[in-house]
Amino acid sequence: MADEEVKKDYEIAVNGTLHTLEHDRVGFDRIVDFAYPGQVDDEQYIFKVEYENTKSDPHDGKLVKGEHVEVRHSGTEFSVLRSVRS
């Protein structure tokens, strides 16, 4: 009988698209980059990141630049909104 493989990856959804992480901790910049590749440092945009079902407490909330959250192996979701800075 083969040993069962322990689940090591973490699957998150960003704007409805699934992404795989190697660690249970993810930050604002990485989440924005999943949603809008290469735009996280573009000064013409403002990003708003909301999350739900994290391992971190609180389990739902807003993530701002410089912050991180701990995610579950599956079921953590992020919503990223982008607006033009005026």
PDB file of N, CA and C in Angstrom:
ATOM      1  N   MET A   1       0.838  -1.177   0.000  1.00  0.00           N
ATOM      2  CA  MET A   1       0.000   0.000   0.000  1.00  0.00           C
ATOM      3  C   MET A   1       0.883   1.239   0.000  1.00  0.00           C
ATOM      4  N   ALA A   2       0.641   2.162  -0.926  1.00  0.00           N
ATOM      5  CA  ALA A   2       1.447   3.372  -1.053  1.00  0.00           C
ATOM      6  C   ALA A   2       1.071   4.388   0.018  1.00  0.00           C
ATOM      7  N   ASP A   3       2.086   5.136   0.439  1.00  0.00           N
ATOM      8  CA  ASP A   3       1.825   6.222   1.398  1.00  0.00           C
ATOM      9  C   ASP A   3       0.990   7.301   0.732  1.00  0.00           C
ATOM     10  N   GLU A   4       0.051   7.851   1.490  1.00  0.00           N
ATOM     11  CA  GLU A   4      -0.746   8.946   0.948  1.00  0.00           C
ATOM     12  C   GLU A   4       0.094  10.213   0.946  1.00  0.00           C
ATOM     13  N   GLU A   5       0.012  10.955  -0.138  1.00  0.00           N
ATOM     14  CA  GLU A   5       0.766  12.194  -0.245  1.00  0.00           C
ATOM     15  C   GLU A   5       0.067  13.282   0.568  1.00  0.00           C
ATOM     16  N   VAL A   6       0.838  13.958   1.396  1.00  0.00           N
ATOM     17  CA  VAL A   6       0.298  15.047   2.199  1.00  0.00           C
ATOM     18  C   VAL A   6       0.162  16.270   1.303  1.00  0.00           C
ATOM     19  N   LYS A   7      -0.973  16.915   1.369  1.00  0.00           N
ATOM     20  CA  LYS A   7      -1.220  18.086   0.544  1.00  0.00           C
ATOM     21  C   LYS A   7      -0.325  19.230   1.002  1.00  0.00           C
ATOM     22  N   LYS A   8       0.555  19.695   0.113  1.00  0.00           N
ATOM     23  CA  LYS A   8       1.521  20.729   0.457  1.00  0.00           C
ATOM     24  C   LYS A   8       1.182  22.074  -0.162  1.00  0.00           C
ATOM     25  N   ASP A   9       0.482  22.090  -1.269  1.00  0.00           N
ATOM     26  CA  ASP A   9       0.164  23.334  -1.953  1.00  0.00           C
ATOM     27  C   ASP A   9      -1.112  23.952  -1.405  1.00  0.00           C
ATOM     28  N   TYR A  10      -1.262  25.231  -1.667  1.00  0.00           N
ATOM     29  CA  TYR A  10      -2.430  25.989  -1.232  1.00  0.00           C
ATOM     30  C   TYR A  10      -3.090  26.557  -2.480  1.00  0.00           C
ATOM     31  N   GLU A  11      -4.378  26.303  -2.622  1.00  0.00           N
ATOM     32  CA  GLU A  11      -5.108  26.775  -3.793  1.00  0.00           C
ATOM     33  C   GLU A  11      -6.013  27.927  -3.381  1.00  0.00           C
ATOM     34  N   ILE A  12      -5.818  29.083  -4.029  1.00  0.00           N
ATOM     35  CA  ILE A  12      -6.626  30.268  -3.740  1.00  0.00           C
ATOM     36  C   ILE A  12      -7.319  30.712  -5.019  1.00  0.00           C
ATOM     37  N   ALA A  13      -8.378  31.485  -4.857  1.00  0.00           N
ATOM     38  CA  ALA A  13      -9.069  32.077  -6.002  1.00  0.00           C
ATOM     39  C   ALA A  13      -8.873  33.585  -5.943  1.00  0.00           C
ATOM     40  N   VAL A  14      -8.465  34.160  -7.071  1.00  0.00           N
ATOM     41  CA  VAL A  14      -8.309  35.612  -7.193  1.00  0.00           C
ATOM     42  C   VAL A  14      -9.189  36.049  -8.349  1.00  0.00           C
ATOM     43  N   ASN A  15     -10.210  36.834  -8.036  1.00  0.00           N
ATOM     44  CA  ASN A  15     -11.196  37.261  -9.042  1.00  0.00           C
ATOM     45  C   ASN A  15     -11.755  36.061  -9.805  1.00  0.00           C
ATOM     46  N   GLY A  16     -11.954  34.963  -9.085  1.00  0.00           N
ATOM     47  CA  GLY A  16     -12.563  33.775  -9.672  1.00  0.00           C
ATOM     48  C   GLY A  16     -11.616  32.824 -10.378  1.00  0.00           C
ATOM     49  N   THR A  17     -10.334  33.184 -10.490  1.00  0.00           N
ATOM     50  CA  THR A  17      -9.350  32.333 -11.148  1.00  0.00           C
ATOM     51  C   THR A  17      -8.506  31.635 -10.084  1.00  0.00           C
ATOM     52  N   LEU A  18      -8.324  30.326 -10.218  1.00  0.00           N
ATOM     53  CA  LEU A  18      -7.552  29.562  -9.244  1.00  0.00           C
ATOM     54  C   LEU A  18      -6.053  29.741  -9.458  1.00  0.00           C
ATOM     55  N   HIS A  19      -5.324  29.854  -8.339  1.00  0.00           N
ATOM     56  CA  HIS A  19      -3.866  29.973  -8.342  1.00  0.00           C
ATOM     57  C   HIS A  19      -3.328  29.065  -7.247  1.00  0.00           C
ATOM     58  N   THR A  20      -2.115  28.564  -7.438  1.00  0.00           N
ATOM     59  CA  THR A  20      -1.493  27.679  -6.466  1.00  0.00           C
ATOM     60  C   THR A  20      -0.316  28.381  -5.800  1.00  0.00           C
ATOM     61  N   LEU A  21      -0.256  28.262  -4.479  1.00  0.00           N
ATOM     62  CA  LEU A  21       0.845  28.808  -3.689  1.00  0.00           C
ATOM     63  C   LEU A  21       1.609  27.661  -3.047  1.00  0.00           C
ATOM     64  N   GLU A  22       2.889  27.870  -2.786  1.00  0.00           N
ATOM     65  CA  GLU A  22       3.697  26.861  -2.109  1.00  0.00           C
ATOM     66  C   GLU A  22       3.667  27.043  -0.599  1.00  0.00           C
ATOM     67  N   HIS A  23       3.255  28.231  -0.136  1.00  0.00           N
ATOM     68  CA  HIS A  23       3.236  28.541   1.296  1.00  0.00           C
ATOM     69  C   HIS A  23       1.860  29.042   1.699  1.00  0.00           C
ATOM     70  N   ASP A  24       1.586  29.023   3.002  1.00  0.00           N
ATOM     71  CA  ASP A  24       0.263  29.449   3.471  1.00  0.00           C
ATOM     72  C   ASP A  24       0.167  30.947   3.729  1.00  0.00           C
ATOM     73  N   ARG A  25       1.209  31.692   3.405  1.00  0.00           N
ATOM     74  CA  ARG A  25       1.212  33.141   3.636  1.00  0.00           C
ATOM     75  C   ARG A  25       1.358  33.861   2.301  1.00  0.00           C
ATOM     76  N   VAL A  26       0.486  34.840   2.069  1.00  0.00           N
ATOM     77  CA  VAL A  26       0.526  35.594   0.807  1.00  0.00           C
ATOM     78  C   VAL A  26       0.256  37.061   1.110  1.00  0.00           C
ATOM     79  N   GLY A  27       0.905  37.915   0.344  1.00  0.00           N
ATOM     80  CA  GLY A  27       0.786  39.343   0.574  1.00  0.00           C
ATOM     81  C   GLY A  27       0.023  40.083  -0.515  1.00  0.00           C
ATOM     82  N   PHE A  28      -0.234  41.338  -0.228  1.00  0.00           N
ATOM     83  CA  PHE A  28      -0.970  42.236  -1.108  1.00  0.00           C
ATOM     84  C   PHE A  28      -0.382  42.241  -2.523  1.00  0.00           C
ATOM     85  N   ASP A  29       0.923  42.461  -2.645  1.00  0.00           N
ATOM     86  CA  ASP A  29       1.539  42.578  -3.967  1.00  0.00           C
ATOM     87  C   ASP A  29       1.333  41.325  -4.814  1.00  0.00           C
ATOM     88  N   ARG A  30       1.479  40.166  -4.205  1.00  0.00           N
ATOM     89  CA  ARG A  30       1.326  38.913  -4.959  1.00  0.00           C
ATOM     90  C   ARG A  30      -0.113  38.734  -5.429  1.00  0.00           C
ATOM     91  N   ILE A  31      -1.065  39.081  -4.575  1.00  0.00           N
ATOM     92  CA  ILE A  31      -2.474  38.958  -4.955  1.00  0.00           C
ATOM     93  C   ILE A  31      -2.801  39.899  -6.107  1.00  0.00           C
ATOM     94  N   VAL A  32      -2.347  41.155  -6.009  1.00  0.00           N
ATOM     95  CA  VAL A  32      -2.588  42.111  -7.093  1.00  0.00           C
ATOM     96  C   VAL A  32      -1.928  41.623  -8.377  1.00  0.00           C
ATOM     97  N   ASP A  33      -0.730  41.060  -8.267  1.00  0.00           N
ATOM     98  CA  ASP A  33      -0.032  40.577  -9.460  1.00  0.00           C
ATOM     99  C   ASP A  33      -0.762  39.411 -10.119  1.00  0.00           C
ATOM    100  N   PHE A  34      -1.424  38.568  -9.322  1.00  0.00           N
ATOM    101  CA  PHE A  34      -2.250  37.514  -9.919  1.00  0.00           C
ATOM    102  C   PHE A  34      -3.383  38.127 -10.740  1.00  0.00           C
ATOM    103  N   ALA A  35      -4.009  39.170 -10.206  1.00  0.00           N
ATOM    104  CA  ALA A  35      -5.165  39.782 -10.874  1.00  0.00           C
ATOM    105  C   ALA A  35      -4.759  40.683 -12.037  1.00  0.00           C
ATOM    106  N   TYR A  36      -3.684  41.454 -11.842  1.00  0.00           N
ATOM    107  CA  TYR A  36      -3.226  42.429 -12.837  1.00  0.00           C
ATOM    108  C   TYR A  36      -1.703  42.335 -12.962  1.00  0.00           C
ATOM    109  N   PRO A  37      -1.223  41.334 -13.686  1.00  0.00           N
ATOM    110  CA  PRO A  37       0.223  41.098 -13.770  1.00  0.00           C
ATOM    111  C   PRO A  37       1.015  42.340 -14.185  1.00  0.00           C
ATOM    112  N   GLY A  38       2.072  42.617 -13.402  1.00  0.00           N
ATOM    113  CA  GLY A  38       2.977  43.709 -13.723  1.00  0.00           C
ATOM    114  C   GLY A  38       2.476  45.102 -13.405  1.00  0.00           C
ATOM    115  N   GLN A  39       1.314  45.227 -12.785  1.00  0.00           N
ATOM    116  CA  GLN A  39       0.741  46.561 -12.562  1.00  0.00           C
ATOM    117  C   GLN A  39       0.766  47.018 -11.105  1.00  0.00           C
ATOM    118  N   VAL A  40       1.218  46.183 -10.183  1.00  0.00           N
ATOM    119  CA  VAL A  40       1.133  46.500  -8.758  1.00  0.00           C
ATOM    120  C   VAL A  40       1.864  47.802  -8.412  1.00  0.00           C
ATOM    121  N   ASP A  41       2.938  48.126  -9.097  1.00  0.00           N
ATOM    122  CA  ASP A  41       3.688  49.352  -8.802  1.00  0.00           C
ATOM    123  C   ASP A  41       3.385  50.489  -9.762  1.00  0.00           C
ATOM    124  N   ASP A  42       2.411  50.309 -10.639  1.00  0.00           N
ATOM    125  CA  ASP A  42       2.026  51.355 -11.584  1.00  0.00           C
ATOM    126  C   ASP A  42       1.246  52.433 -10.840  1.00  0.00           C
ATOM    127  N   GLU A  43       1.807  53.620 -10.772  1.00  0.00           N
ATOM    128  CA  GLU A  43       1.224  54.705  -9.982  1.00  0.00           C
ATOM    129  C   GLU A  43      -0.092  55.257 -10.526  1.00  0.00           C
ATOM    130  N   GLN A  44      -0.466  54.877 -11.734  1.00  0.00           N
ATOM    131  CA  GLN A  44      -1.736  55.375 -12.263  1.00  0.00           C
ATOM    132  C   GLN A  44      -2.942  54.613 -11.706  1.00  0.00           C
ATOM    133  N   TYR A  45      -2.677  53.497 -11.014  1.00  0.00           N
ATOM    134  CA  TYR A  45      -3.764  52.673 -10.493  1.00  0.00           C
ATOM    135  C   TYR A  45      -3.785  52.626  -8.971  1.00  0.00           C
ATOM    136  N   ILE A  46      -4.985  52.451  -8.437  1.00  0.00           N
ATOM    137  CA  ILE A  46      -5.210  52.176  -7.021  1.00  0.00           C
ATOM    138  C   ILE A  46      -5.875  50.804  -6.961  1.00  0.00           C
ATOM    139  N   PHE A  47      -5.400  49.946  -6.062  1.00  0.00           N
ATOM    140  CA  PHE A  47      -5.941  48.594  -5.936  1.00  0.00           C
ATOM    141  C   PHE A  47      -6.605  48.424  -4.586  1.00  0.00           C
ATOM    142  N   LYS A  48      -7.742  47.742  -4.593  1.00  0.00           N
ATOM    143  CA  LYS A  48      -8.470  47.401  -3.374  1.00  0.00           C
ATOM    144  C   LYS A  48      -8.577  45.880  -3.338  1.00  0.00           C
ATOM    145  N   VAL A  49      -8.090  45.281  -2.245  1.00  0.00           N
ATOM    146  CA  VAL A  49      -8.092  43.822  -2.123  1.00  0.00           C
ATOM    147  C   VAL A  49      -8.938  43.422  -0.921  1.00  0.00           C
ATOM    148  N   GLU A  50      -9.910  42.559  -1.164  1.00  0.00           N
ATOM    149  CA  GLU A  50     -10.730  42.003  -0.091  1.00  0.00           C
ATOM    150  C   GLU A  50     -10.543  40.487  -0.100  1.00  0.00           C
ATOM    151  N   TYR A  51     -10.647  39.879   1.077  1.00  0.00           N
ATOM    152  CA  TYR A  51     -10.460  38.441   1.186  1.00  0.00           C
ATOM    153  C   TYR A  51     -11.537  37.831   2.064  1.00  0.00           C
ATOM    154  N   GLU A  52     -11.722  36.520   1.895  1.00  0.00           N
ATOM    155  CA  GLU A  52     -12.635  35.775   2.758  1.00  0.00           C
ATOM    156  C   GLU A  52     -12.144  34.349   2.904  1.00  0.00           C
ATOM    157  N   ASN A  53     -12.500  33.766   4.051  1.00  0.00           N
ATOM    158  CA  ASN A  53     -12.186  32.376   4.380  1.00  0.00           C
ATOM    159  C   ASN A  53     -10.680  32.124   4.515  1.00  0.00           C
ATOM    160  N   THR A  54      -9.967  33.042   5.187  1.00  0.00           N
ATOM    161  CA  THR A  54      -8.543  32.817   5.447  1.00  0.00           C
ATOM    162  C   THR A  54      -8.355  32.069   6.759  1.00  0.00           C
ATOM    163  N   LYS A  55      -7.153  31.579   6.969  1.00  0.00           N
ATOM    164  CA  LYS A  55      -6.788  30.972   8.232  1.00  0.00           C
ATOM    165  C   LYS A  55      -6.501  32.063   9.263  1.00  0.00           C
ATOM    166  N   SER A  56      -6.087  33.246   8.783  1.00  0.00           N
ATOM    167  CA  SER A  56      -5.811  34.386   9.657  1.00  0.00           C
ATOM    168  C   SER A  56      -7.085  34.863  10.328  1.00  0.00           C
ATOM    169  N   ASP A  57      -6.911  35.528  11.450  1.00  0.00           N
ATOM    170  CA  ASP A  57      -8.051  36.126  12.143  1.00  0.00           C
ATOM    171  C   ASP A  57      -7.918  37.632  12.030  1.00  0.00           C
ATOM    172  N   PRO A  58      -8.846  38.367  11.469  1.00  0.00           N
ATOM    173  CA  PRO A  58     -10.171  37.912  11.066  1.00  0.00           C
ATOM    174  C   PRO A  58     -10.120  37.107   9.760  1.00  0.00           C
ATOM    175  N   HIS A  59     -11.130  36.290   9.542  1.00  0.00           N
ATOM    176  CA  HIS A  59     -11.170  35.418   8.370  1.00  0.00           C
ATOM    177  C   HIS A  59     -11.617  36.145   7.105  1.00  0.00           C
ATOM    178  N   ASP A  60     -12.223  37.302   7.260  1.00  0.00           N
ATOM    179  CA  ASP A  60     -12.689  38.116   6.136  1.00  0.00           C
ATOM    180  C   ASP A  60     -12.249  39.550   6.385  1.00  0.00           C
ATOM    181  N   GLY A  61     -11.902  40.263   5.322  1.00  0.00           N
ATOM    182  CA  GLY A  61     -11.524  41.655   5.508  1.00  0.00           C
ATOM    183  C   GLY A  61     -10.854  42.243   4.288  1.00  0.00           C
ATOM    184  N   LYS A  62     -10.120  43.327   4.532  1.00  0.00           N
ATOM    185  CA  LYS A  62      -9.406  44.040   3.474  1.00  0.00           C
ATOM    186  C   LYS A  62      -7.915  43.900   3.715  1.00  0.00           C
ATOM    187  N   LEU A  63      -7.185  43.792   2.618  1.00  0.00           N
ATOM    188  CA  LEU A  63      -5.738  43.669   2.659  1.00  0.00           C
ATOM    189  C   LEU A  63      -5.156  44.923   2.036  1.00  0.00           C
ATOM    190  N   VAL A  64      -4.202  45.557   2.709  1.00  0.00           N
ATOM    191  CA  VAL A  64      -3.571  46.765   2.168  1.00  0.00           C
ATOM    192  C   VAL A  64      -2.099  46.488   1.882  1.00  0.00           C
ATOM    193  N   LYS A  65      -1.507  47.364   1.090  1.00  0.00           N
ATOM    194  CA  LYS A  65      -0.112  47.201   0.687  1.00  0.00           C
ATOM    195  C   LYS A  65       0.767  46.982   1.916  1.00  0.00           C
ATOM    196  N   GLY A  66       1.623  45.978   1.842  1.00  0.00           N
ATOM    197  CA  GLY A  66       2.524  45.644   2.934  1.00  0.00           C
ATOM    198  C   GLY A  66       1.991  44.579   3.876  1.00  0.00           C
ATOM    199  N   GLU A  67       0.706  44.259   3.790  1.00  0.00           N
ATOM    200  CA  GLU A  67       0.116  43.252   4.669  1.00  0.00           C
ATOM    201  C   GLU A  67       0.116  41.871   4.021  1.00  0.00           C
ATOM    202  N   HIS A  68       0.021  40.854   4.892  1.00  0.00           N
ATOM    203  CA  HIS A  68      -0.060  39.447   4.482  1.00  0.00           C
ATOM    204  C   HIS A  68      -1.194  38.782   5.244  1.00  0.00           C
ATOM    205  N   VAL A  69      -1.686  37.672   4.695  1.00  0.00           N
ATOM    206  CA  VAL A  69      -2.652  36.825   5.407  1.00  0.00           C
ATOM    207  C   VAL A  69      -2.225  35.371   5.243  1.00  0.00           C
ATOM    208  N   GLU A  70      -2.699  34.537   6.151  1.00  0.00           N
ATOM    209  CA  GLU A  70      -2.480  33.096   6.041  1.00  0.00           C
ATOM    210  C   GLU A  70      -3.715  32.485   5.393  1.00  0.00           C
ATOM    211  N   VAL A  71      -3.480  31.653   4.374  1.00  0.00           N
ATOM    212  CA  VAL A  71      -4.578  31.053   3.624  1.00  0.00           C
ATOM    213  C   VAL A  71      -4.779  29.602   4.027  1.00  0.00           C
ATOM    214  N   ARG A  72      -5.930  29.070   3.694  1.00  0.00           N
ATOM    215  CA  ARG A  72      -6.235  27.651   3.912  1.00  0.00           C
ATOM    216  C   ARG A  72      -5.731  26.860   2.697  1.00  0.00           C
ATOM    217  N   HIS A  73      -5.676  25.529   2.822  1.00  0.00           N
ATOM    218  CA  HIS A  73      -5.247  24.707   1.679  1.00  0.00           C
ATOM    219  C   HIS A  73      -6.161  24.918   0.475  1.00  0.00           C
ATOM    220  N   SER A  74      -7.423  25.201   0.741  1.00  0.00           N
ATOM    221  CA  SER A  74      -8.352  25.537  -0.343  1.00  0.00           C
ATOM    222  C   SER A  74      -9.503  26.339   0.253  1.00  0.00           C
ATOM    223  N   GLY A  75     -10.147  27.112  -0.593  1.00  0.00           N
ATOM    224  CA  GLY A  75     -11.325  27.845  -0.165  1.00  0.00           C
ATOM    225  C   GLY A  75     -11.111  29.317   0.154  1.00  0.00           C
ATOM    226  N   THR A  76      -9.850  29.785   0.174  1.00  0.00           N
ATOM    227  CA  THR A  76      -9.608  31.207   0.415  1.00  0.00           C
ATOM    228  C   THR A  76      -9.806  31.953  -0.893  1.00  0.00           C
ATOM    229  N   GLU A  77     -10.564  33.055  -0.816  1.00  0.00           N
ATOM    230  CA  GLU A  77     -10.878  33.831  -2.018  1.00  0.00           C
ATOM    231  C   GLU A  77     -10.478  35.282  -1.841  1.00  0.00           C
ATOM    232  N   PHE A  78     -10.016  35.876  -2.951  1.00  0.00           N
ATOM    233  CA  PHE A  78      -9.632  37.282  -2.979  1.00  0.00           C
ATOM    234  C   PHE A  78     -10.360  37.974  -4.116  1.00  0.00           C
ATOM    235  N   SER A  79     -10.726  39.217  -3.878  1.00  0.00           N
ATOM    236  CA  SER A  79     -11.321  40.066  -4.905  1.00  0.00           C
ATOM    237  C   SER A  79     -10.437  41.303  -5.030  1.00  0.00           C
ATOM    238  N   VAL A  80      -9.981  41.582  -6.246  1.00  0.00           N
ATOM    239  CA  VAL A  80      -9.107  42.729  -6.478  1.00  0.00           C
ATOM    240  C   VAL A  80      -9.810  43.685  -7.434  1.00  0.00           C
ATOM    241  N   LEU A  81      -9.983  44.910  -6.979  1.00  0.00           N
ATOM    242  CA  LEU A  81     -10.569  45.948  -7.817  1.00  0.00           C
ATOM    243  C   LEU A  81      -9.490  46.957  -8.155  1.00  0.00           C
ATOM    244  N   ARG A  82      -9.485  47.419  -9.408  1.00  0.00           N
ATOM    245  CA  ARG A  82      -8.504  48.387  -9.871  1.00  0.00           C
ATOM    246  C   ARG A  82      -9.236  49.636 -10.341  1.00  0.00           C
ATOM    247  N   SER A  83      -8.759  50.803  -9.905  1.00  0.00           N
ATOM    248  CA  SER A  83      -9.326  52.050 -10.399  1.00  0.00           C
ATOM    249  C   SER A  83      -8.181  52.978 -10.799  1.00  0.00           C
ATOM    250  N   VAL A  84      -8.496  53.901 -11.687  1.00  0.00           N
ATOM    251  CA  VAL A  84      -7.502  54.848 -12.165  1.00  0.00           C
ATOM    252  C   VAL A  84      -7.383  55.991 -11.161  1.00  0.00           C
ATOM    253  N   ARG A  85      -6.152  56.279 -10.778  1.00  0.00           N
ATOM    254  CA  ARG A  85      -5.900  57.387  -9.856  1.00  0.00           C
ATOM    255  C   ARG A  85      -6.226  58.689 -10.580  1.00  0.00           C
ATOM    256  N   SER A  86      -6.975  59.558  -9.927  1.00  0.00           N
ATOM    257  CA  SER A  86      -7.344  60.819 -10.589  1.00  0.00           C
ATOM    258  C   SER A  86      -6.591  61.986 -10.007  1.00  0.00           C
TER     259      SER A  86
END
